[in-house]
Amino acid sequence: MTETPLTILVVEDEALIRMDLALGLSDLGHKVLEAGNADMAMQTLRDEEAIDVLVTDIDMPGEMDGLDLAGKVRGLSETCRIVVMSGRSHPTQDALPEHSTFLGKPLDVDDIMRAIA
């Protein structure tokens, strides 16, 4: 696990899941930002100085899904760690941006921390 506090953006359209993940990551000492869809996440990315980790669901309402968002984030930053999650979709490794990890739902904060370690 990481000892340095990270800035983590959690993008999930289901509010309870998003809040649960955000609370768990905050309890570990990380700065957590939340977005309910990819458009909100892009605005957060424009407003924030740096995001260390993107945790995004794939299936969300709006013009972009989580895979599109992850690809855009990878284009903006080669160092941002990306965790893509879904309970419905199971993308191949080729469908994920370079140096990204996929986690199936249900998952918890420990799964995310292992994925970014």
PDB file of N, CA and C in Angstrom:
ATOM      1  N   MET A   1       0.837  -1.180   0.000  1.00  0.00           N
ATOM      2  CA  MET A   1       0.000   0.000   0.000  1.00  0.00           C
ATOM      3  C   MET A   1       0.884   1.247   0.000  1.00  0.00           C
ATOM      4  N   THR A   2       0.275   2.374  -0.217  1.00  0.00           N
ATOM      5  CA  THR A   2       1.027   3.610  -0.284  1.00  0.00           C
ATOM      6  C   THR A   2       0.956   4.364   1.045  1.00  0.00           C
ATOM      7  N   GLU A   3       2.070   4.951   1.435  1.00  0.00           N
ATOM      8  CA  GLU A   3       2.103   5.724   2.671  1.00  0.00           C
ATOM      9  C   GLU A   3       1.857   7.197   2.402  1.00  0.00           C
ATOM     10  N   THR A   4       2.166   7.666   1.208  1.00  0.00           N
ATOM     11  CA  THR A   4       1.977   9.059   0.836  1.00  0.00           C
ATOM     12  C   THR A   4       0.512   9.297   0.486  1.00  0.00           C
ATOM     13  N   PRO A   5      -0.109  10.327   1.060  1.00  0.00           N
ATOM     14  CA  PRO A   5      -1.500  10.610   0.693  1.00  0.00           C
ATOM     15  C   PRO A   5      -1.611  10.933  -0.797  1.00  0.00           C
ATOM     16  N   LEU A   6      -2.621  10.379  -1.420  1.00  0.00           N
ATOM     17  CA  LEU A   6      -2.858  10.565  -2.847  1.00  0.00           C
ATOM     18  C   LEU A   6      -4.103  11.412  -3.067  1.00  0.00           C
ATOM     19  N   THR A   7      -4.181  12.054  -4.230  1.00  0.00           N
ATOM     20  CA  THR A   7      -5.411  12.703  -4.655  1.00  0.00           C
ATOM     21  C   THR A   7      -6.092  11.728  -5.606  1.00  0.00           C
ATOM     22  N   ILE A   8      -7.273  11.270  -5.203  1.00  0.00           N
ATOM     23  CA  ILE A   8      -7.986  10.227  -5.934  1.00  0.00           C
ATOM     24  C   ILE A   8      -9.333  10.775  -6.402  1.00  0.00           C
ATOM     25  N   LEU A   9      -9.612  10.613  -7.691  1.00  0.00           N
ATOM     26  CA  LEU A   9     -10.899  10.992  -8.254  1.00  0.00           C
ATOM     27  C   LEU A   9     -11.724   9.731  -8.457  1.00  0.00           C
ATOM     28  N   VAL A  10     -12.861   9.651  -7.745  1.00  0.00           N
ATOM     29  CA  VAL A  10     -13.771   8.512  -7.861  1.00  0.00           C
ATOM     30  C   VAL A  10     -14.950   8.941  -8.731  1.00  0.00           C
ATOM     31  N   VAL A  11     -15.142   8.228  -9.839  1.00  0.00           N
ATOM     32  CA  VAL A  11     -16.211   8.551 -10.785  1.00  0.00           C
ATOM     33  C   VAL A  11     -17.174   7.369 -10.833  1.00  0.00           C
ATOM     34  N   GLU A  12     -18.361   7.588 -10.312  1.00  0.00           N
ATOM     35  CA  GLU A  12     -19.361   6.520 -10.186  1.00  0.00           C
ATOM     36  C   GLU A  12     -20.730   7.176 -10.167  1.00  0.00           C
ATOM     37  N   ASP A  13     -21.643   6.707 -11.016  1.00  0.00           N
ATOM     38  CA  ASP A  13     -22.968   7.324 -11.067  1.00  0.00           C
ATOM     39  C   ASP A  13     -23.881   6.884  -9.933  1.00  0.00           C
ATOM     40  N   GLU A  14     -23.611   5.757  -9.311  1.00  0.00           N
ATOM     41  CA  GLU A  14     -24.426   5.311  -8.174  1.00  0.00           C
ATOM     42  C   GLU A  14     -23.866   5.951  -6.906  1.00  0.00           C
ATOM     43  N   ALA A  15     -24.648   6.894  -6.368  1.00  0.00           N
ATOM     44  CA  ALA A  15     -24.181   7.735  -5.258  1.00  0.00           C
ATOM     45  C   ALA A  15     -23.721   6.935  -4.041  1.00  0.00           C
ATOM     46  N   LEU A  16     -24.435   5.892  -3.666  1.00  0.00           N
ATOM     47  CA  LEU A  16     -24.052   5.128  -2.475  1.00  0.00           C
ATOM     48  C   LEU A  16     -22.705   4.429  -2.657  1.00  0.00           C
ATOM     49  N   ILE A  17     -22.486   3.873  -3.826  1.00  0.00           N
ATOM     50  CA  ILE A  17     -21.198   3.218  -4.101  1.00  0.00           C
ATOM     51  C   ILE A  17     -20.085   4.258  -4.095  1.00  0.00           C
ATOM     52  N   ARG A  18     -20.330   5.393  -4.764  1.00  0.00           N
ATOM     53  CA  ARG A  18     -19.325   6.464  -4.824  1.00  0.00           C
ATOM     54  C   ARG A  18     -18.981   6.976  -3.428  1.00  0.00           C
ATOM     55  N   MET A  19     -19.999   7.232  -2.621  1.00  0.00           N
ATOM     56  CA  MET A  19     -19.753   7.752  -1.266  1.00  0.00           C
ATOM     57  C   MET A  19     -19.040   6.736  -0.391  1.00  0.00           C
ATOM     58  N   ASP A  20     -19.397   5.460  -0.541  1.00  0.00           N
ATOM     59  CA  ASP A  20     -18.743   4.410   0.248  1.00  0.00           C
ATOM     60  C   ASP A  20     -17.259   4.310  -0.095  1.00  0.00           C
ATOM     61  N   LEU A  21     -16.937   4.304  -1.383  1.00  0.00           N
ATOM     62  CA  LEU A  21     -15.535   4.246  -1.802  1.00  0.00           C
ATOM     63  C   LEU A  21     -14.783   5.505  -1.356  1.00  0.00           C
ATOM     64  N   ALA A  22     -15.406   6.666  -1.535  1.00  0.00           N
ATOM     65  CA  ALA A  22     -14.767   7.926  -1.155  1.00  0.00           C
ATOM     66  C   ALA A  22     -14.493   7.973   0.339  1.00  0.00           C
ATOM     67  N   LEU A  23     -15.447   7.552   1.138  1.00  0.00           N
ATOM     68  CA  LEU A  23     -15.266   7.550   2.593  1.00  0.00           C
ATOM     69  C   LEU A  23     -14.139   6.607   2.996  1.00  0.00           C
ATOM     70  N   GLY A  24     -14.131   5.420   2.422  1.00  0.00           N
ATOM     71  CA  GLY A  24     -13.078   4.452   2.749  1.00  0.00           C
ATOM     72  C   GLY A  24     -11.693   4.946   2.367  1.00  0.00           C
ATOM     73  N   LEU A  25     -11.577   5.555   1.207  1.00  0.00           N
ATOM     74  CA  LEU A  25     -10.278   6.086   0.765  1.00  0.00           C
ATOM     75  C   LEU A  25      -9.866   7.292   1.612  1.00  0.00           C
ATOM     76  N   SER A  26     -10.836   8.133   1.983  1.00  0.00           N
ATOM     77  CA  SER A  26     -10.545   9.275   2.863  1.00  0.00           C
ATOM     78  C   SER A  26     -10.077   8.802   4.233  1.00  0.00           C
ATOM     79  N   ASP A  27     -10.708   7.744   4.732  1.00  0.00           N
ATOM     80  CA  ASP A  27     -10.314   7.186   6.032  1.00  0.00           C
ATOM     81  C   ASP A  27      -8.869   6.700   6.033  1.00  0.00           C
ATOM     82  N   LEU A  28      -8.348   6.373   4.853  1.00  0.00           N
ATOM     83  CA  LEU A  28      -6.949   5.955   4.735  1.00  0.00           C
ATOM     84  C   LEU A  28      -6.007   7.152   4.601  1.00  0.00           C
ATOM     85  N   GLY A  29      -6.566   8.360   4.615  1.00  0.00           N
ATOM     86  CA  GLY A  29      -5.746   9.564   4.585  1.00  0.00           C
ATOM     87  C   GLY A  29      -5.586  10.218   3.228  1.00  0.00           C
ATOM     88  N   HIS A  30      -6.328   9.736   2.241  1.00  0.00           N
ATOM     89  CA  HIS A  30      -6.204  10.288   0.898  1.00  0.00           C
ATOM     90  C   HIS A  30      -7.197  11.426   0.680  1.00  0.00           C
ATOM     91  N   LYS A  31      -6.838  12.344  -0.213  1.00  0.00           N
ATOM     92  CA  LYS A  31      -7.756  13.397  -0.639  1.00  0.00           C
ATOM     93  C   LYS A  31      -8.613  12.788  -1.738  1.00  0.00           C
ATOM     94  N   VAL A  32      -9.925  12.793  -1.534  1.00  0.00           N
ATOM     95  CA  VAL A  32     -10.815  12.149  -2.490  1.00  0.00           C
ATOM     96  C   VAL A  32     -11.768  13.178  -3.085  1.00  0.00           C
ATOM     97  N   LEU A  33     -11.831  13.175  -4.403  1.00  0.00           N
ATOM     98  CA  LEU A  33     -12.764  14.001  -5.152  1.00  0.00           C
ATOM     99  C   LEU A  33     -13.784  13.064  -5.775  1.00  0.00           C
ATOM    100  N   GLU A  34     -15.012  13.536  -5.922  1.00  0.00           N
ATOM    101  CA  GLU A  34     -16.071  12.687  -6.456  1.00  0.00           C
ATOM    102  C   GLU A  34     -16.729  13.318  -7.672  1.00  0.00           C
ATOM    103  N   ALA A  35     -17.132  12.454  -8.593  1.00  0.00           N
ATOM    104  CA  ALA A  35     -17.902  12.890  -9.763  1.00  0.00           C
ATOM    105  C   ALA A  35     -18.921  11.815 -10.093  1.00  0.00           C
ATOM    106  N   GLY A  36     -20.117  12.251 -10.503  1.00  0.00           N
ATOM    107  CA  GLY A  36     -21.192  11.323 -10.813  1.00  0.00           C
ATOM    108  C   GLY A  36     -21.224  10.855 -12.255  1.00  0.00           C
ATOM    109  N   ASN A  37     -20.396  11.478 -13.103  1.00  0.00           N
ATOM    110  CA  ASN A  37     -20.308  11.038 -14.498  1.00  0.00           C
ATOM    111  C   ASN A  37     -19.003  11.568 -15.099  1.00  0.00           C
ATOM    112  N   ALA A  38     -18.732  11.169 -16.324  1.00  0.00           N
ATOM    113  CA  ALA A  38     -17.460  11.528 -16.966  1.00  0.00           C
ATOM    114  C   ALA A  38     -17.349  13.026 -17.236  1.00  0.00           C
ATOM    115  N   ASP A  39     -18.471  13.671 -17.565  1.00  0.00           N
ATOM    116  CA  ASP A  39     -18.422  15.115 -17.817  1.00  0.00           C
ATOM    117  C   ASP A  39     -18.024  15.874 -16.550  1.00  0.00           C
ATOM    118  N   MET A  40     -18.612  15.489 -15.423  1.00  0.00           N
ATOM    119  CA  MET A  40     -18.249  16.108 -14.141  1.00  0.00           C
ATOM    120  C   MET A  40     -16.783  15.823 -13.810  1.00  0.00           C
ATOM    121  N   ALA A  41     -16.335  14.629 -14.136  1.00  0.00           N
ATOM    122  CA  ALA A  41     -14.937  14.257 -13.880  1.00  0.00           C
ATOM    123  C   ALA A  41     -13.988  15.122 -14.705  1.00  0.00           C
ATOM    124  N   MET A  42     -14.334  15.372 -15.961  1.00  0.00           N
ATOM    125  CA  MET A  42     -13.481  16.214 -16.807  1.00  0.00           C
ATOM    126  C   MET A  42     -13.394  17.633 -16.253  1.00  0.00           C
ATOM    127  N   GLN A  43     -14.499  18.143 -15.712  1.00  0.00           N
ATOM    128  CA  GLN A  43     -14.471  19.467 -15.095  1.00  0.00           C
ATOM    129  C   GLN A  43     -13.569  19.460 -13.863  1.00  0.00           C
ATOM    130  N   THR A  44     -13.658  18.415 -13.064  1.00  0.00           N
ATOM    131  CA  THR A  44     -12.790  18.291 -11.888  1.00  0.00           C
ATOM    132  C   THR A  44     -11.327  18.238 -12.311  1.00  0.00           C
ATOM    133  N   LEU A  45     -11.039  17.520 -13.375  1.00  0.00           N
ATOM    134  CA  LEU A  45      -9.666  17.430 -13.872  1.00  0.00           C
ATOM    135  C   LEU A  45      -9.148  18.792 -14.336  1.00  0.00           C
ATOM    136  N   ARG A  46     -10.032  19.603 -14.903  1.00  0.00           N
ATOM    137  CA  ARG A  46      -9.624  20.949 -15.310  1.00  0.00           C
ATOM    138  C   ARG A  46      -9.385  21.847 -14.098  1.00  0.00           C
ATOM    139  N   ASP A  47     -10.160  21.645 -13.039  1.00  0.00           N
ATOM    140  CA  ASP A  47     -10.082  22.492 -11.850  1.00  0.00           C
ATOM    141  C   ASP A  47      -8.959  22.106 -10.883  1.00  0.00           C
ATOM    142  N   GLU A  48      -8.606  20.849 -10.847  1.00  0.00           N
ATOM    143  CA  GLU A  48      -7.615  20.338  -9.893  1.00  0.00           C
ATOM    144  C   GLU A  48      -6.207  20.442 -10.456  1.00  0.00           C
ATOM    145  N   GLU A  49      -5.268  20.668  -9.563  1.00  0.00           N
ATOM    146  CA  GLU A  49      -3.870  20.773  -9.983  1.00  0.00           C
ATOM    147  C   GLU A  49      -3.323  19.432 -10.471  1.00  0.00           C
ATOM    148  N   ALA A  50      -3.574  18.380  -9.721  1.00  0.00           N
ATOM    149  CA  ALA A  50      -3.060  17.065 -10.106  1.00  0.00           C
ATOM    150  C   ALA A  50      -3.929  15.968  -9.490  1.00  0.00           C
ATOM    151  N   ILE A  51      -4.181  14.947 -10.269  1.00  0.00           N
ATOM    152  CA  ILE A  51      -4.897  13.761  -9.802  1.00  0.00           C
ATOM    153  C   ILE A  51      -3.902  12.607  -9.878  1.00  0.00           C
ATOM    154  N   ASP A  52      -3.711  11.927  -8.760  1.00  0.00           N
ATOM    155  CA  ASP A  52      -2.780  10.796  -8.735  1.00  0.00           C
ATOM    156  C   ASP A  52      -3.428   9.507  -9.218  1.00  0.00           C
ATOM    157  N   VAL A  53      -4.729   9.360  -8.910  1.00  0.00           N
ATOM    158  CA  VAL A  53      -5.428   8.117  -9.235  1.00  0.00           C
ATOM    159  C   VAL A  53      -6.832   8.444  -9.732  1.00  0.00           C
ATOM    160  N   LEU A  54      -7.221   7.804 -10.832  1.00  0.00           N
ATOM    161  CA  LEU A  54      -8.593   7.841 -11.314  1.00  0.00           C
ATOM    162  C   LEU A  54      -9.205   6.474 -11.065  1.00  0.00           C
ATOM    163  N   VAL A  55     -10.343   6.447 -10.372  1.00  0.00           N
ATOM    164  CA  VAL A  55     -11.113   5.222 -10.179  1.00  0.00           C
ATOM    165  C   VAL A  55     -12.453   5.487 -10.847  1.00  0.00           C
ATOM    166  N   THR A  56     -12.741   4.769 -11.934  1.00  0.00           N
ATOM    167  CA  THR A  56     -13.962   5.060 -12.680  1.00  0.00           C
ATOM    168  C   THR A  56     -14.752   3.816 -13.029  1.00  0.00           C
ATOM    169  N   ASP A  57     -16.059   3.946 -12.904  1.00  0.00           N
ATOM    170  CA  ASP A  57     -16.978   2.927 -13.386  1.00  0.00           C
ATOM    171  C   ASP A  57     -17.024   3.042 -14.907  1.00  0.00           C
ATOM    172  N   ILE A  58     -17.373   1.968 -15.586  1.00  0.00           N
ATOM    173  CA  ILE A  58     -17.488   2.009 -17.046  1.00  0.00           C
ATOM    174  C   ILE A  58     -18.849   2.534 -17.458  1.00  0.00           C
ATOM    175  N   ASP A  59     -19.904   1.935 -16.933  1.00  0.00           N
ATOM    176  CA  ASP A  59     -21.264   2.227 -17.383  1.00  0.00           C
ATOM    177  C   ASP A  59     -21.850   3.406 -16.616  1.00  0.00           C
ATOM    178  N   MET A  60     -21.890   4.569 -17.307  1.00  0.00           N
ATOM    179  CA  MET A  60     -22.424   5.786 -16.700  1.00  0.00           C
ATOM    180  C   MET A  60     -23.218   6.550 -17.740  1.00  0.00           C
ATOM    181  N   PRO A  61     -24.175   7.355 -17.279  1.00  0.00           N
ATOM    182  CA  PRO A  61     -24.912   8.194 -18.233  1.00  0.00           C
ATOM    183  C   PRO A  61     -24.028   9.321 -18.756  1.00  0.00           C
ATOM    184  N   GLY A  62     -24.416   9.877 -19.878  1.00  0.00           N
ATOM    185  CA  GLY A  62     -23.666  10.991 -20.444  1.00  0.00           C
ATOM    186  C   GLY A  62     -23.033  10.624 -21.762  1.00  0.00           C
ATOM    187  N   GLU A  63     -22.293  11.566 -22.298  1.00  0.00           N
ATOM    188  CA  GLU A  63     -21.686  11.376 -23.618  1.00  0.00           C
ATOM    189  C   GLU A  63     -20.489  10.431 -23.596  1.00  0.00           C
ATOM    190  N   MET A  64     -19.810  10.332 -22.451  1.00  0.00           N
ATOM    191  CA  MET A  64     -18.632   9.470 -22.331  1.00  0.00           C
ATOM    192  C   MET A  64     -18.894   8.385 -21.307  1.00  0.00           C
ATOM    193  N   ASP A  65     -18.378   7.194 -21.576  1.00  0.00           N
ATOM    194  CA  ASP A  65     -18.397   6.172 -20.535  1.00  0.00           C
ATOM    195  C   ASP A  65     -17.046   6.177 -19.829  1.00  0.00           C
ATOM    196  N   GLY A  66     -16.877   5.290 -18.880  1.00  0.00           N
ATOM    197  CA  GLY A  66     -15.647   5.261 -18.094  1.00  0.00           C
ATOM    198  C   GLY A  66     -14.406   4.910 -18.895  1.00  0.00           C
ATOM    199  N   LEU A  67     -14.557   4.082 -19.925  1.00  0.00           N
ATOM    200  CA  LEU A  67     -13.400   3.752 -20.763  1.00  0.00           C
ATOM    201  C   LEU A  67     -12.951   4.965 -21.568  1.00  0.00           C
ATOM    202  N   ASP A  68     -13.923   5.730 -22.086  1.00  0.00           N
ATOM    203  CA  ASP A  68     -13.572   6.964 -22.799  1.00  0.00           C
ATOM    204  C   ASP A  68     -12.861   7.934 -21.855  1.00  0.00           C
ATOM    205  N   LEU A  69     -13.401   8.076 -20.644  1.00  0.00           N
ATOM    206  CA  LEU A  69     -12.789   8.952 -19.644  1.00  0.00           C
ATOM    207  C   LEU A  69     -11.374   8.498 -19.325  1.00  0.00           C
ATOM    208  N   ALA A  70     -11.199   7.213 -19.082  1.00  0.00           N
ATOM    209  CA  ALA A  70      -9.871   6.685 -18.762  1.00  0.00           C
ATOM    210  C   ALA A  70      -8.882   6.969 -19.890  1.00  0.00           C
ATOM    211  N   GLY A  71      -9.330   6.828 -21.136  1.00  0.00           N
ATOM    212  CA  GLY A  71      -8.465   7.123 -22.272  1.00  0.00           C
ATOM    213  C   GLY A  71      -8.070   8.588 -22.327  1.00  0.00           C
ATOM    214  N   LYS A  72      -9.016   9.476 -22.051  1.00  0.00           N
ATOM    215  CA  LYS A  72      -8.707  10.911 -22.044  1.00  0.00           C
ATOM    216  C   LYS A  72      -7.724  11.253 -20.919  1.00  0.00           C
ATOM    217  N   VAL A  73      -7.943  10.649 -19.754  1.00  0.00           N
ATOM    218  CA  VAL A  73      -7.032  10.901 -18.624  1.00  0.00           C
ATOM    219  C   VAL A  73      -5.635  10.402 -18.952  1.00  0.00           C
ATOM    220  N   ARG A  74      -5.541   9.228 -19.579  1.00  0.00           N
ATOM    221  CA  ARG A  74      -4.223   8.709 -19.949  1.00  0.00           C
ATOM    222  C   ARG A  74      -3.548   9.660 -20.933  1.00  0.00           C
ATOM    223  N   GLY A  75      -4.316  10.253 -21.834  1.00  0.00           N
ATOM    224  CA  GLY A  75      -3.761  11.216 -22.777  1.00  0.00           C
ATOM    225  C   GLY A  75      -3.261  12.482 -22.105  1.00  0.00           C
ATOM    226  N   LEU A  76      -3.861  12.842 -20.984  1.00  0.00           N
ATOM    227  CA  LEU A  76      -3.453  14.036 -20.235  1.00  0.00           C
ATOM    228  C   LEU A  76      -2.286  13.769 -19.295  1.00  0.00           C
ATOM    229  N   SER A  77      -2.190  12.522 -18.806  1.00  0.00           N
ATOM    230  CA  SER A  77      -1.161  12.194 -17.819  1.00  0.00           C
ATOM    231  C   SER A  77      -0.713  10.748 -17.958  1.00  0.00           C
ATOM    232  N   GLU A  78       0.575  10.571 -18.141  1.00  0.00           N
ATOM    233  CA  GLU A  78       1.119   9.207 -18.204  1.00  0.00           C
ATOM    234  C   GLU A  78       1.343   8.629 -16.818  1.00  0.00           C
ATOM    235  N   THR A  79       1.349   9.485 -15.785  1.00  0.00           N
ATOM    236  CA  THR A  79       1.659   9.021 -14.428  1.00  0.00           C
ATOM    237  C   THR A  79       0.426   8.752 -13.576  1.00  0.00           C
ATOM    238  N   CYS A  80      -0.745   9.234 -13.991  1.00  0.00           N
ATOM    239  CA  CYS A  80      -1.962   8.985 -13.227  1.00  0.00           C
ATOM    240  C   CYS A  80      -2.263   7.489 -13.258  1.00  0.00           C
ATOM    241  N   ARG A  81      -2.468   6.915 -12.083  1.00  0.00           N
ATOM    242  CA  ARG A  81      -2.852   5.507 -12.009  1.00  0.00           C
ATOM    243  C   ARG A  81      -4.351   5.419 -12.281  1.00  0.00           C
ATOM    244  N   ILE A  82      -4.749   4.446 -13.087  1.00  0.00           N
ATOM    245  CA  ILE A  82      -6.149   4.333 -13.491  1.00  0.00           C
ATOM    246  C   ILE A  82      -6.688   2.961 -13.122  1.00  0.00           C
ATOM    247  N   VAL A  83      -7.821   2.983 -12.408  1.00  0.00           N
ATOM    248  CA  VAL A  83      -8.546   1.763 -12.069  1.00  0.00           C
ATOM    249  C   VAL A  83      -9.930   1.886 -12.686  1.00  0.00           C
ATOM    250  N   VAL A  84     -10.257   0.956 -13.580  1.00  0.00           N
ATOM    251  CA  VAL A  84     -11.557   0.912 -14.234  1.00  0.00           C
ATOM    252  C   VAL A  84     -12.338  -0.222 -13.579  1.00  0.00           C
ATOM    253  N   MET A  85     -13.602   0.069 -13.244  1.00  0.00           N
ATOM    254  CA  MET A  85     -14.402  -0.950 -12.550  1.00  0.00           C
ATOM    255  C   MET A  85     -15.769  -1.097 -13.209  1.00  0.00           C
ATOM    256  N   SER A  86     -16.351  -2.277 -13.075  1.00  0.00           N
ATOM    257  CA  SER A  86     -17.695  -2.503 -13.585  1.00  0.00           C
ATOM    258  C   SER A  86     -18.252  -3.798 -13.024  1.00  0.00           C
ATOM    259  N   GLY A  87     -19.548  -3.807 -12.857  1.00  0.00           N
ATOM    260  CA  GLY A  87     -20.240  -5.026 -12.478  1.00  0.00           C
ATOM    261  C   GLY A  87     -20.908  -5.684 -13.668  1.00  0.00           C
ATOM    262  N   ARG A  88     -20.911  -4.992 -14.809  1.00  0.00           N
ATOM    263  CA  ARG A  88     -21.567  -5.499 -16.015  1.00  0.00           C
ATOM    264  C   ARG A  88     -20.590  -5.788 -17.137  1.00  0.00           C
ATOM    265  N   SER A  89     -19.754  -4.826 -17.431  1.00  0.00           N
ATOM    266  CA  SER A  89     -18.806  -4.948 -18.545  1.00  0.00           C
ATOM    267  C   SER A  89     -17.496  -5.551 -18.055  1.00  0.00           C
ATOM    268  N   HIS A  90     -16.885  -6.345 -18.898  1.00  0.00           N
ATOM    269  CA  HIS A  90     -15.584  -6.927 -18.588  1.00  0.00           C
ATOM    270  C   HIS A  90     -14.671  -6.728 -19.792  1.00  0.00           C
ATOM    271  N   PRO A  91     -14.047  -5.546 -19.875  1.00  0.00           N
ATOM    272  CA  PRO A  91     -13.234  -5.235 -21.056  1.00  0.00           C
ATOM    273  C   PRO A  91     -11.969  -6.088 -21.127  1.00  0.00           C
ATOM    274  N   THR A  92     -11.493  -6.293 -22.320  1.00  0.00           N
ATOM    275  CA  THR A  92     -10.203  -6.955 -22.485  1.00  0.00           C
ATOM    276  C   THR A  92      -9.107  -5.961 -22.102  1.00  0.00           C
ATOM    277  N   GLN A  93      -7.924  -6.463 -21.848  1.00  0.00           N
ATOM    278  CA  GLN A  93      -6.804  -5.583 -21.506  1.00  0.00           C
ATOM    279  C   GLN A  93      -6.514  -4.599 -22.637  1.00  0.00           C
ATOM    280  N   ASP A  94      -6.741  -5.025 -23.881  1.00  0.00           N
ATOM    281  CA  ASP A  94      -6.529  -4.147 -25.033  1.00  0.00           C
ATOM    282  C   ASP A  94      -7.494  -2.966 -25.058  1.00  0.00           C
ATOM    283  N   ALA A  95      -8.673  -3.119 -24.439  1.00  0.00           N
ATOM    284  CA  ALA A  95      -9.664  -2.042 -24.419  1.00  0.00           C
ATOM    285  C   ALA A  95      -9.343  -0.994 -23.351  1.00  0.00           C
ATOM    286  N   LEU A  96      -8.474  -1.340 -22.416  1.00  0.00           N
ATOM    287  CA  LEU A  96      -8.097  -0.417 -21.339  1.00  0.00           C
ATOM    288  C   LEU A  96      -6.936   0.463 -21.780  1.00  0.00           C
ATOM    289  N   PRO A  97      -6.879   1.683 -21.255  1.00  0.00           N
ATOM    290  CA  PRO A  97      -5.701   2.516 -21.535  1.00  0.00           C
ATOM    291  C   PRO A  97      -4.438   1.854 -20.978  1.00  0.00           C
ATOM    292  N   GLU A  98      -3.332   2.192 -21.551  1.00  0.00           N
ATOM    293  CA  GLU A  98      -2.050   1.644 -21.120  1.00  0.00           C
ATOM    294  C   GLU A  98      -1.854   1.856 -19.613  1.00  0.00           C
ATOM    295  N   HIS A  99      -1.317   0.852 -18.950  1.00  0.00           N
ATOM    296  CA  HIS A  99      -1.014   0.891 -17.522  1.00  0.00           C
ATOM    297  C   HIS A  99      -2.257   1.124 -16.665  1.00  0.00           C
ATOM    298  N   SER A 100      -3.370   0.526 -17.053  1.00  0.00           N
ATOM    299  CA  SER A 100      -4.609   0.604 -16.290  1.00  0.00           C
ATOM    300  C   SER A 100      -4.954  -0.771 -15.752  1.00  0.00           C
ATOM    301  N   THR A 101      -5.784  -0.787 -14.723  1.00  0.00           N
ATOM    302  CA  THR A 101      -6.219  -2.028 -14.099  1.00  0.00           C
ATOM    303  C   THR A 101      -7.735  -2.096 -14.120  1.00  0.00           C
ATOM    304  N   PHE A 102      -8.271  -3.288 -14.363  1.00  0.00           N
ATOM    305  CA  PHE A 102      -9.712  -3.498 -14.290  1.00  0.00           C
ATOM    306  C   PHE A 102     -10.045  -4.286 -13.032  1.00  0.00           C
ATOM    307  N   LEU A 103     -11.102  -3.850 -12.335  1.00  0.00           N
ATOM    308  CA  LEU A 103     -11.632  -4.573 -11.178  1.00  0.00           C
ATOM    309  C   LEU A 103     -13.125  -4.791 -11.373  1.00  0.00           C
ATOM    310  N   GLY A 104     -13.568  -6.025 -11.154  1.00  0.00           N
ATOM    311  CA  GLY A 104     -14.991  -6.313 -11.219  1.00  0.00           C
ATOM    312  C   GLY A 104     -15.673  -5.947  -9.909  1.00  0.00           C
ATOM    313  N   LYS A 105     -16.901  -5.489 -10.008  1.00  0.00           N
ATOM    314  CA  LYS A 105     -17.700  -5.194  -8.816  1.00  0.00           C
ATOM    315  C   LYS A 105     -18.403  -6.468  -8.396  1.00  0.00           C
ATOM    316  N   PRO A 106     -18.693  -6.624  -7.143  1.00  0.00           N
ATOM    317  CA  PRO A 106     -18.438  -5.678  -6.052  1.00  0.00           C
ATOM    318  C   PRO A 106     -16.959  -5.664  -5.677  1.00  0.00           C
ATOM    319  N   LEU A 107     -16.543  -4.523  -5.185  1.00  0.00           N
ATOM    320  CA  LEU A 107     -15.166  -4.363  -4.751  1.00  0.00           C
ATOM    321  C   LEU A 107     -15.157  -3.457  -3.526  1.00  0.00           C
ATOM    322  N   ASP A 108     -13.995  -3.378  -2.892  1.00  0.00           N
ATOM    323  CA  ASP A 108     -13.880  -2.491  -1.737  1.00  0.00           C
ATOM    324  C   ASP A 108     -12.589  -1.692  -1.840  1.00  0.00           C
ATOM    325  N   VAL A 109     -12.370  -0.859  -0.856  1.00  0.00           N
ATOM    326  CA  VAL A 109     -11.216   0.037  -0.849  1.00  0.00           C
ATOM    327  C   VAL A 109      -9.896  -0.746  -0.884  1.00  0.00           C
ATOM    328  N   ASP A 110      -9.849  -1.866  -0.199  1.00  0.00           N
ATOM    329  CA  ASP A 110      -8.610  -2.670  -0.204  1.00  0.00           C
ATOM    330  C   ASP A 110      -8.288  -3.163  -1.617  1.00  0.00           C
ATOM    331  N   ASP A 111      -9.310  -3.522  -2.399  1.00  0.00           N
ATOM    332  CA  ASP A 111      -9.086  -3.951  -3.786  1.00  0.00           C
ATOM    333  C   ASP A 111      -8.464  -2.802  -4.587  1.00  0.00           C
ATOM    334  N   ILE A 112      -8.972  -1.592  -4.385  1.00  0.00           N
ATOM    335  CA  ILE A 112      -8.445  -0.427  -5.110  1.00  0.00           C
ATOM    336  C   ILE A 112      -7.014  -0.165  -4.697  1.00  0.00           C
ATOM    337  N   MET A 113      -6.721  -0.211  -3.399  1.00  0.00           N
ATOM    338  CA  MET A 113      -5.378   0.075  -2.922  1.00  0.00           C
ATOM    339  C   MET A 113      -4.368  -0.960  -3.436  1.00  0.00           C
ATOM    340  N   ARG A 114      -4.791  -2.229  -3.502  1.00  0.00           N
ATOM    341  CA  ARG A 114      -3.896  -3.253  -4.072  1.00  0.00           C
ATOM    342  C   ARG A 114      -3.651  -2.983  -5.550  1.00  0.00           C
ATOM    343  N   ALA A 115      -4.666  -2.525  -6.260  1.00  0.00           N
ATOM    344  CA  ALA A 115      -4.535  -2.271  -7.705  1.00  0.00           C
ATOM    345  C   ALA A 115      -3.584  -1.115  -7.992  1.00  0.00           C
ATOM    346  N   ILE A 116      -3.505  -0.142  -7.103  1.00  0.00           N
ATOM    347  CA  ILE A 116      -2.646   1.016  -7.374  1.00  0.00           C
ATOM    348  C   ILE A 116      -1.287   0.922  -6.699  1.00  0.00           C
ATOM    349  N   ALA A 117      -1.104  -0.126  -5.896  1.00  0.00           N
ATOM    350  CA  ALA A 117       0.184  -0.284  -5.189  1.00  0.00           C
ATOM    351  C   ALA A 117       1.304  -0.604  -6.155  1.00  0.00           C
TER     352      ALA A 117
END
